[in-house]
C-alpha atoms as a PDB file:
ATOM      1  CA  MET A   1      17.918  27.223  35.910  1.00  0.00           C
ATOM      2  CA  PRO A   2      18.277  30.269  33.609  1.00  0.00           C
ATOM      3  CA  ASP A   3      19.500  33.470  35.197  1.00  0.00           C
ATOM      4  CA  GLN A   4      16.783  35.421  36.984  1.00  0.00           C
ATOM      5  CA  TRP A   5      17.306  39.149  36.938  1.00  0.00           C
ATOM      6  CA  GLU A   6      15.712  42.577  36.882  1.00  0.00           C
ATOM      7  CA  PHE A   7      17.155  45.845  35.650  1.00  0.00           C
ATOM      8  CA  LYS A   8      15.384  49.169  36.208  1.00  0.00           C
ATOM      9  CA  SER A   9      17.342  52.214  35.109  1.00  0.00           C
ATOM     10  CA  HIS A  10      16.639  55.917  34.837  1.00  0.00           C
ATOM     11  CA  THR A  11      18.356  56.639  31.531  1.00  0.00           C
ATOM     12  CA  TYR A  12      19.448  59.534  29.334  1.00  0.00           C
ATOM     13  CA  ASP A  13      19.913  58.840  25.619  1.00  0.00           C
ATOM     14  CA  SER A  14      21.741  61.257  23.319  1.00  0.00           C
ATOM     15  CA  CYS A  15      22.055  60.652  19.571  1.00  0.00           C
ATOM     16  CA  ASN A  16      22.961  62.539  16.411  1.00  0.00           C
ATOM     17  CA  CYS A  17      19.421  62.629  14.984  1.00  0.00           C
ATOM     18  CA  SER A  18      17.228  65.705  15.081  1.00  0.00           C
ATOM     19  CA  VAL A  19      14.722  65.886  17.930  1.00  0.00           C
ATOM     20  CA  SER A  20      12.269  64.066  15.637  1.00  0.00           C
ATOM     21  CA  CYS A  21      14.420  60.914  15.607  1.00  0.00           C
ATOM     22  CA  GLY A  22      13.200  58.662  12.820  1.00  0.00           C
ATOM     23  CA  CYS A  23      14.142  55.474  14.647  1.00  0.00           C
ATOM     24  CA  GLN A  24      11.277  56.039  17.061  1.00  0.00           C
ATOM     25  CA  PHE A  25       8.770  55.942  14.180  1.00  0.00           C
ATOM     26  CA  ASN A  26      10.244  53.151  12.016  1.00  0.00           C
ATOM     27  CA  GLU A  27      11.615  55.815   9.701  1.00  0.00           C
ATOM     28  CA  PRO A  28      15.175  56.501   8.506  1.00  0.00           C
ATOM     29  CA  THR A  29      17.629  58.379  10.693  1.00  0.00           C
ATOM     30  CA  THR A  30      18.249  62.094  10.118  1.00  0.00           C
ATOM     31  CA  HIS A  31      21.726  61.651   8.628  1.00  0.00           C
ATOM     32  CA  GLY A  32      21.609  58.084   7.336  1.00  0.00           C
ATOM     33  CA  ASN A  33      23.627  56.801  10.308  1.00  0.00           C
ATOM     34  CA  CYS A  34      23.273  56.472  14.062  1.00  0.00           C
ATOM     35  CA  HIS A  35      25.737  57.598  16.727  1.00  0.00           C
ATOM     36  CA  PHE A  36      24.533  57.433  20.316  1.00  0.00           C
ATOM     37  CA  ALA A  37      25.448  57.296  23.970  1.00  0.00           C
ATOM     38  CA  TYR A  38      23.121  56.027  26.683  1.00  0.00           C
ATOM     39  CA  THR A  39      23.956  56.694  30.324  1.00  0.00           C
ATOM     40  CA  GLY A  40      21.822  55.570  33.236  1.00  0.00           C
ATOM     41  CA  THR A  41      21.626  54.745  36.902  1.00  0.00           C
ATOM     42  CA  VAL A  42      20.139  51.497  38.179  1.00  0.00           C
ATOM     43  CA  VAL A  43      17.373  52.419  40.627  1.00  0.00           C
ATOM     44  CA  ASP A  44      16.365  48.825  41.307  1.00  0.00           C
ATOM     45  CA  GLY A  45      17.710  45.522  40.164  1.00  0.00           C
ATOM     46  CA  HIS A  46      19.519  42.269  40.731  1.00  0.00           C
ATOM     47  CA  PHE A  47      21.176  39.483  38.778  1.00  0.00           C
ATOM     48  CA  ASN A  48      20.315  36.255  40.539  1.00  0.00           C
ATOM     49  CA  ARG A  49      21.506  37.133  44.085  1.00  0.00           C
ATOM     50  CA  THR A  50      23.725  40.052  43.075  1.00  0.00           C
ATOM     51  CA  PRO A  51      22.227  43.506  43.856  1.00  0.00           C
ATOM     52  CA  LEU A  52      22.648  46.217  41.218  1.00  0.00           C
ATOM     53  CA  ALA A  53      20.833  49.292  42.566  1.00  0.00           C
ATOM     54  CA  GLY A  54      22.853  52.487  42.800  1.00  0.00           C
ATOM     55  CA  LEU A  55      25.325  51.711  40.024  1.00  0.00           C
ATOM     56  CA  ASN A  56      25.792  53.773  36.851  1.00  0.00           C
ATOM     57  CA  TRP A  57      26.419  52.505  33.343  1.00  0.00           C
ATOM     58  CA  SER A  58      26.881  53.728  29.786  1.00  0.00           C
ATOM     59  CA  LEU A  59      26.517  52.249  26.306  1.00  0.00           C
ATOM     60  CA  ILE A  60      28.176  53.877  23.283  1.00  0.00           C
ATOM     61  CA  CYS A  61      27.420  52.754  19.731  1.00  0.00           C
ATOM     62  CA  LEU A  62      28.286  53.993  16.266  1.00  0.00           C
ATOM     63  CA  PHE A  63      26.489  52.660  13.197  1.00  0.00           C
ATOM     64  CA  PRO A  64      27.901  53.876   9.861  1.00  0.00           C
ATOM     65  CA  ASN A  65      24.497  53.523   8.189  1.00  0.00           C
ATOM     66  CA  GLU A  66      21.006  52.676   9.423  1.00  0.00           C
ATOM     67  CA  ILE A  67      21.045  50.454  12.512  1.00  0.00           C
ATOM     68  CA  SER A  68      19.230  47.698  10.617  1.00  0.00           C
ATOM     69  CA  GLU A  69      22.152  47.538   8.158  1.00  0.00           C
ATOM     70  CA  GLY A  70      24.520  46.489  10.942  1.00  0.00           C
ATOM     71  CA  ASN A  71      28.305  46.885  11.119  1.00  0.00           C
ATOM     72  CA  GLY A  72      28.036  48.834  14.367  1.00  0.00           C
ATOM     73  CA  LYS A  73      30.730  49.476  16.938  1.00  0.00           C
ATOM     74  CA  ARG A  74      29.932  49.084  20.645  1.00  0.00           C
ATOM     75  CA  GLN A  75      31.533  49.899  23.972  1.00  0.00           C
ATOM     76  CA  ILE A  76      30.127  49.422  27.456  1.00  0.00           C
ATOM     77  CA  VAL A  77      31.209  51.467  30.471  1.00  0.00           C
ATOM     78  CA  ILE A  78      30.411  50.267  33.988  1.00  0.00           C
ATOM     79  CA  ASP A  79      30.629  52.107  37.283  1.00  0.00           C
ATOM     80  CA  GLU A  80      34.042  51.572  38.886  1.00  0.00           C
ATOM     81  CA  ARG A  81      32.290  51.159  42.265  1.00  0.00           C
ATOM     82  CA  ALA A  82      30.823  47.820  41.144  1.00  0.00           C
ATOM     83  CA  ASP A  83      32.409  44.720  42.629  1.00  0.00           C
ATOM     84  CA  GLU A  84      33.417  41.761  40.444  1.00  0.00           C
ATOM     85  CA  ALA A  85      29.999  40.084  40.598  1.00  0.00           C
ATOM     86  CA  GLN A  86      28.214  43.346  39.789  1.00  0.00           C
ATOM     87  CA  ARG A  87      30.590  44.109  36.919  1.00  0.00           C
ATOM     88  CA  SER A  88      29.963  40.708  35.389  1.00  0.00           C
ATOM     89  CA  ALA A  89      26.194  41.027  35.874  1.00  0.00           C
ATOM     90  CA  LEU A  90      25.907  44.492  34.324  1.00  0.00           C
ATOM     91  CA  GLU A  91      28.155  43.573  31.425  1.00  0.00           C
ATOM     92  CA  THR A  92      26.028  40.502  30.731  1.00  0.00           C
ATOM     93  CA  ILE A  93      22.784  42.498  30.812  1.00  0.00           C
ATOM     94  CA  ILE A  94      24.011  45.477  28.775  1.00  0.00           C
ATOM     95  CA  SER A  95      25.613  43.232  26.169  1.00  0.00           C
ATOM     96  CA  GLY A  96      22.163  41.722  25.585  1.00  0.00           C
ATOM     97  CA  GLU A  97      23.323  38.219  26.460  1.00  0.00           C
ATOM     98  CA  ALA A  98      21.023  37.609  29.424  1.00  0.00           C
ATOM     99  CA  CYS A  99      17.601  37.818  27.779  1.00  0.00           C
ATOM    100  CA  GLU A 100      15.426  36.298  25.108  1.00  0.00           C
ATOM    101  CA  PRO A 101      16.921  37.322  21.739  1.00  0.00           C
ATOM    102  CA  LEU A 102      15.819  40.820  20.627  1.00  0.00           C
ATOM    103  CA  SER A 103      13.594  41.241  23.688  1.00  0.00           C
ATOM    104  CA  ASN A 104      15.237  44.496  24.802  1.00  0.00           C
ATOM    105  CA  HIS A 105      17.236  47.262  23.161  1.00  0.00           C
ATOM    106  CA  PHE A 106      20.551  45.946  24.474  1.00  0.00           C
ATOM    107  CA  SER A 107      20.000  42.704  22.575  1.00  0.00           C
ATOM    108  CA  VAL A 108      18.743  44.461  19.437  1.00  0.00           C
ATOM    109  CA  PHE A 109      21.707  46.840  19.223  1.00  0.00           C
ATOM    110  CA  GLY A 110      24.192  44.114  20.091  1.00  0.00           C
ATOM    111  CA  SER A 111      22.835  41.944  17.286  1.00  0.00           C
ATOM    112  CA  GLN A 112      23.632  44.715  14.798  1.00  0.00           C
ATOM    113  CA  CYS A 113      27.234  45.300  15.941  1.00  0.00           C
ATOM    114  CA  THR A 114      30.322  43.633  14.519  1.00  0.00           C
ATOM    115  CA  GLU A 115      33.066  45.410  16.483  1.00  0.00           C
ATOM    116  CA  PHE A 116      33.110  45.194  20.264  1.00  0.00           C
ATOM    117  CA  PHE A 117      35.603  47.199  22.309  1.00  0.00           C
ATOM    118  CA  ASP A 118      36.730  46.188  25.777  1.00  0.00           C
ATOM    119  CA  THR A 119      34.349  47.111  28.580  1.00  0.00           C
ATOM    120  CA  LEU A 120      35.653  49.999  30.692  1.00  0.00           C
ATOM    121  CA  PHE A 121      35.278  50.327  34.460  1.00  0.00           C
ATOM    122  CA  LEU A 122      35.411  54.020  35.292  1.00  0.00           C
ATOM    123  CA  HIS A 123      33.966  56.805  37.374  1.00  0.00           C
ATOM    124  CA  ILE A 124      30.638  57.814  35.804  1.00  0.00           C
ATOM    125  CA  GLU A 125      29.356  61.201  36.872  1.00  0.00           C
ATOM    126  CA  LEU A 126      25.654  61.464  36.085  1.00  0.00           C
ATOM    127  CA  GLN A 127      23.120  64.127  36.997  1.00  0.00           C
ATOM    128  CA  LEU A 128      19.681  63.275  35.658  1.00  0.00           C
ATOM    129  CA  ASP A 129      16.141  64.628  36.010  1.00  0.00           C
ATOM    130  CA  LEU A 130      13.694  62.569  33.949  1.00  0.00           C
ATOM    131  CA  THR A 131      10.670  64.859  34.046  1.00  0.00           C
ATOM    132  CA  GLY A 132      12.757  68.046  34.078  1.00  0.00           C
ATOM    133  CA  ARG A 133      14.566  66.685  30.992  1.00  0.00           C
ATOM    134  CA  THR A 134      18.006  67.724  32.145  1.00  0.00           C
ATOM    135  CA  ALA A 135      21.166  65.676  32.262  1.00  0.00           C
ATOM    136  CA  ARG A 136      24.900  66.024  32.599  1.00  0.00           C
ATOM    137  CA  VAL A 137      27.351  63.184  32.017  1.00  0.00           C
ATOM    138  CA  GLU A 138      31.096  63.052  32.369  1.00  0.00           C
ATOM    139  CA  ILE A 139      33.229  59.937  32.082  1.00  0.00           C
ATOM    140  CA  PRO A 140      36.890  61.003  32.036  1.00  0.00           C
ATOM    141  CA  GLY A 141      38.466  60.324  28.657  1.00  0.00           C
ATOM    142  CA  VAL A 142      35.242  58.906  27.241  1.00  0.00           C
ATOM    143  CA  ILE A 143      32.096  61.073  27.347  1.00  0.00           C
ATOM    144  CA  LYS A 144      30.958  64.608  27.999  1.00  0.00           C
ATOM    145  CA  SER A 145      27.268  65.229  27.465  1.00  0.00           C
ATOM    146  CA  ALA A 146      24.530  67.614  28.564  1.00  0.00           C
ATOM    147  CA  ALA A 147      20.836  67.956  27.833  1.00  0.00           C
ATOM    148  CA  SER A 148      17.955  70.318  28.526  1.00  0.00           C
ATOM    149  CA  PRO A 149      14.287  70.660  27.545  1.00  0.00           C
ATOM    150  CA  ILE A 150      13.262  71.798  24.090  1.00  0.00           C
ATOM    151  CA  VAL A 151      12.298  75.468  24.341  1.00  0.00           C
ATOM    152  CA  ASN A 152       9.066  76.764  22.825  1.00  0.00           C
ATOM    153  CA  LYS A 153      10.155  79.479  20.373  1.00  0.00           C
ATOM    154  CA  PHE A 154       6.935  81.469  20.933  1.00  0.00           C
ATOM    155  CA  ASN A 155       7.055  81.870  24.707  1.00  0.00           C
ATOM    156  CA  ASP A 156      10.516  80.593  25.759  1.00  0.00           C
ATOM    157  CA  GLU A 157       8.907  78.015  28.047  1.00  0.00           C
ATOM    158  CA  PRO A 158       9.866  74.317  28.127  1.00  0.00           C
ATOM    159  CA  PHE A 159       8.176  72.460  25.283  1.00  0.00           C
ATOM    160  CA  ASP A 160       6.699  69.379  26.958  1.00  0.00           C
ATOM    161  CA  ILE A 161       6.595  66.383  24.644  1.00  0.00           C
ATOM    162  CA  ALA A 162       6.905  62.625  25.105  1.00  0.00           C
ATOM    163  CA  ILE A 163       6.524  59.380  23.196  1.00  0.00           C
ATOM    164  CA  ALA A 164       4.212  56.721  24.637  1.00  0.00           C
ATOM    165  CA  ARG A 165       4.481  53.093  23.539  1.00  0.00           C
ATOM    166  CA  PRO A 166       1.364  51.244  24.727  1.00  0.00           C
ATOM    167  CA  ALA A 167       2.511  48.048  22.977  1.00  0.00           C
ATOM    168  CA  GLY A 168       5.250  46.684  20.758  1.00  0.00           C
ATOM    169  CA  SER A 169       8.249  48.358  22.375  1.00  0.00           C
ATOM    170  CA  PHE A 170      11.503  46.585  23.218  1.00  0.00           C
ATOM    171  CA  GLU A 171      12.912  49.641  24.990  1.00  0.00           C
ATOM    172  CA  PHE A 172      10.522  51.847  27.010  1.00  0.00           C
ATOM    173  CA  THR A 173       6.878  52.685  27.684  1.00  0.00           C
ATOM    174  CA  VAL A 174       7.309  56.482  27.914  1.00  0.00           C
ATOM    175  CA  GLY A 175      10.197  58.624  26.695  1.00  0.00           C
ATOM    176  CA  ALA A 176      10.397  62.380  27.352  1.00  0.00           C
ATOM    177  CA  ILE A 177      12.153  64.366  24.622  1.00  0.00           C
ATOM    178  CA  GLY A 178      14.747  67.130  24.973  1.00  0.00           C
ATOM    179  CA  ARG A 179      17.871  68.433  23.243  1.00  0.00           C
ATOM    180  CA  GLY A 180      21.388  67.205  23.921  1.00  0.00           C
ATOM    181  CA  SER A 181      25.016  67.691  22.966  1.00  0.00           C
ATOM    182  CA  THR A 182      27.573  64.901  23.271  1.00  0.00           C
ATOM    183  CA  ALA A 183      31.230  64.270  22.524  1.00  0.00           C
ATOM    184  CA  THR A 184      33.022  60.952  22.965  1.00  0.00           C
ATOM    185  CA  THR A 185      36.710  60.139  22.719  1.00  0.00           C
ATOM    186  CA  GLY A 186      38.792  56.992  22.896  1.00  0.00           C
ATOM    187  CA  ASP A 187      37.804  53.833  21.041  1.00  0.00           C
ATOM    188  CA  ILE A 188      34.657  55.413  19.579  1.00  0.00           C
ATOM    189  CA  GLU A 189      34.850  59.065  18.608  1.00  0.00           C
ATOM    190  CA  MET A 190      31.809  61.153  17.734  1.00  0.00           C
ATOM    191  CA  ALA A 191      30.322  64.568  18.435  1.00  0.00           C
ATOM    192  CA  PHE A 192      26.946  66.192  17.880  1.00  0.00           C
ATOM    193  CA  GLU A 193      25.181  69.277  19.209  1.00  0.00           C
ATOM    194  CA  ASP A 194      21.609  70.379  19.841  1.00  0.00           C
ATOM    195  CA  SER A 195      20.240  67.017  18.745  1.00  0.00           C
ATOM    196  CA  TRP A 196      17.974  64.240  20.025  1.00  0.00           C
ATOM    197  CA  ALA A 197      17.831  63.597  23.756  1.00  0.00           C
ATOM    198  CA  MET A 198      15.468  61.172  25.440  1.00  0.00           C
ATOM    199  CA  PHE A 199      14.788  60.466  29.087  1.00  0.00           C
ATOM    200  CA  CYS A 200      13.226  57.116  29.898  1.00  0.00           C
ATOM    201  CA  VAL A 201      13.026  54.174  32.269  1.00  0.00           C
ATOM    202  CA  HIS A 202      14.562  50.945  31.009  1.00  0.00           C
ATOM    203  CA  HIS A 203      12.828  48.189  32.960  1.00  0.00           C
ATOM    204  CA  TYR A 204      13.680  44.660  31.867  1.00  0.00           C
ATOM    205  CA  ASN A 205      14.080  41.118  33.045  1.00  0.00           C
ATOM    206  CA  GLN A 206      15.191  37.894  31.365  1.00  0.00           C
ATOM    207  CA  ASP A 207      11.930  37.792  29.383  1.00  0.00           C
ATOM    208  CA  GLY A 208      11.968  41.365  28.073  1.00  0.00           C
ATOM    209  CA  LEU A 209      10.295  44.704  28.810  1.00  0.00           C
ATOM    210  CA  ILE A 210       8.449  45.186  32.095  1.00  0.00           C
ATOM    211  CA  ARG A 211       5.616  47.718  32.038  1.00  0.00           C
ATOM    212  CA  SER A 212       5.444  49.578  35.332  1.00  0.00           C
ATOM    213  CA  GLU A 213       4.637  52.955  36.844  1.00  0.00           C
ATOM    214  CA  SER A 214       7.435  55.491  36.756  1.00  0.00           C
ATOM    215  CA  PRO A 215       7.957  59.228  37.242  1.00  0.00           C
ATOM    216  CA  LEU A 216       7.342  59.612  33.492  1.00  0.00           C
ATOM    217  CA  THR A 217       4.028  57.734  33.386  1.00  0.00           C
ATOM    218  CA  GLN A 218       2.886  59.915  36.269  1.00  0.00           C
ATOM    219  CA  TRP A 219       4.155  63.042  34.475  1.00  0.00           C
ATOM    220  CA  ILE A 220       2.206  62.453  31.268  1.00  0.00           C
ATOM    221  CA  GLY A 221      -0.848  61.416  33.281  1.00  0.00           C
ATOM    222  CA  SER A 222      -0.897  64.567  35.412  1.00  0.00           C
END
């Protein structure tokens, strides 16, 4: 029987595009390339009989040109608290090897990479507020990142904006947008400031995206 699994993560995405990231609209990237770091915490999930809730993870990718042109570099980081079964399960999911081809963003990005660095098992410090659009990430020797809401230049209040994908998405149903700054070191080095930040729920199983209620769907519906 194929692996049966579910992965539901509250996730912060930081990339080098402007806050109007072209990738989200089938348009070119801001700079003609894509550098990003996703970091999330699994709020619910399992891989067959292995529980995954409570574990953190990160995915770092660098594409020298548009993602669709390939030649990307990828590194996965998994919470050092995970036991051997959990490490194997998360690595399998995040590498995109556990699902129908191209049915989630892990599989899509993995299909466009040609250089794969060893998976790291480290302490991942993550503070994340999806609807508040704030995040702080620190993985020693790998990532430092922080994000906050976009600020309305006319009244200095948070500028509330989100992307809704009612159909056709392989990544999320709702993504709230903010601004982030990220620096990575080690196998993949990159740095960008005051750029795209997105806060979303990645909810997948072996067949692809699962559409479900989340703090973000409630936020945009309030």
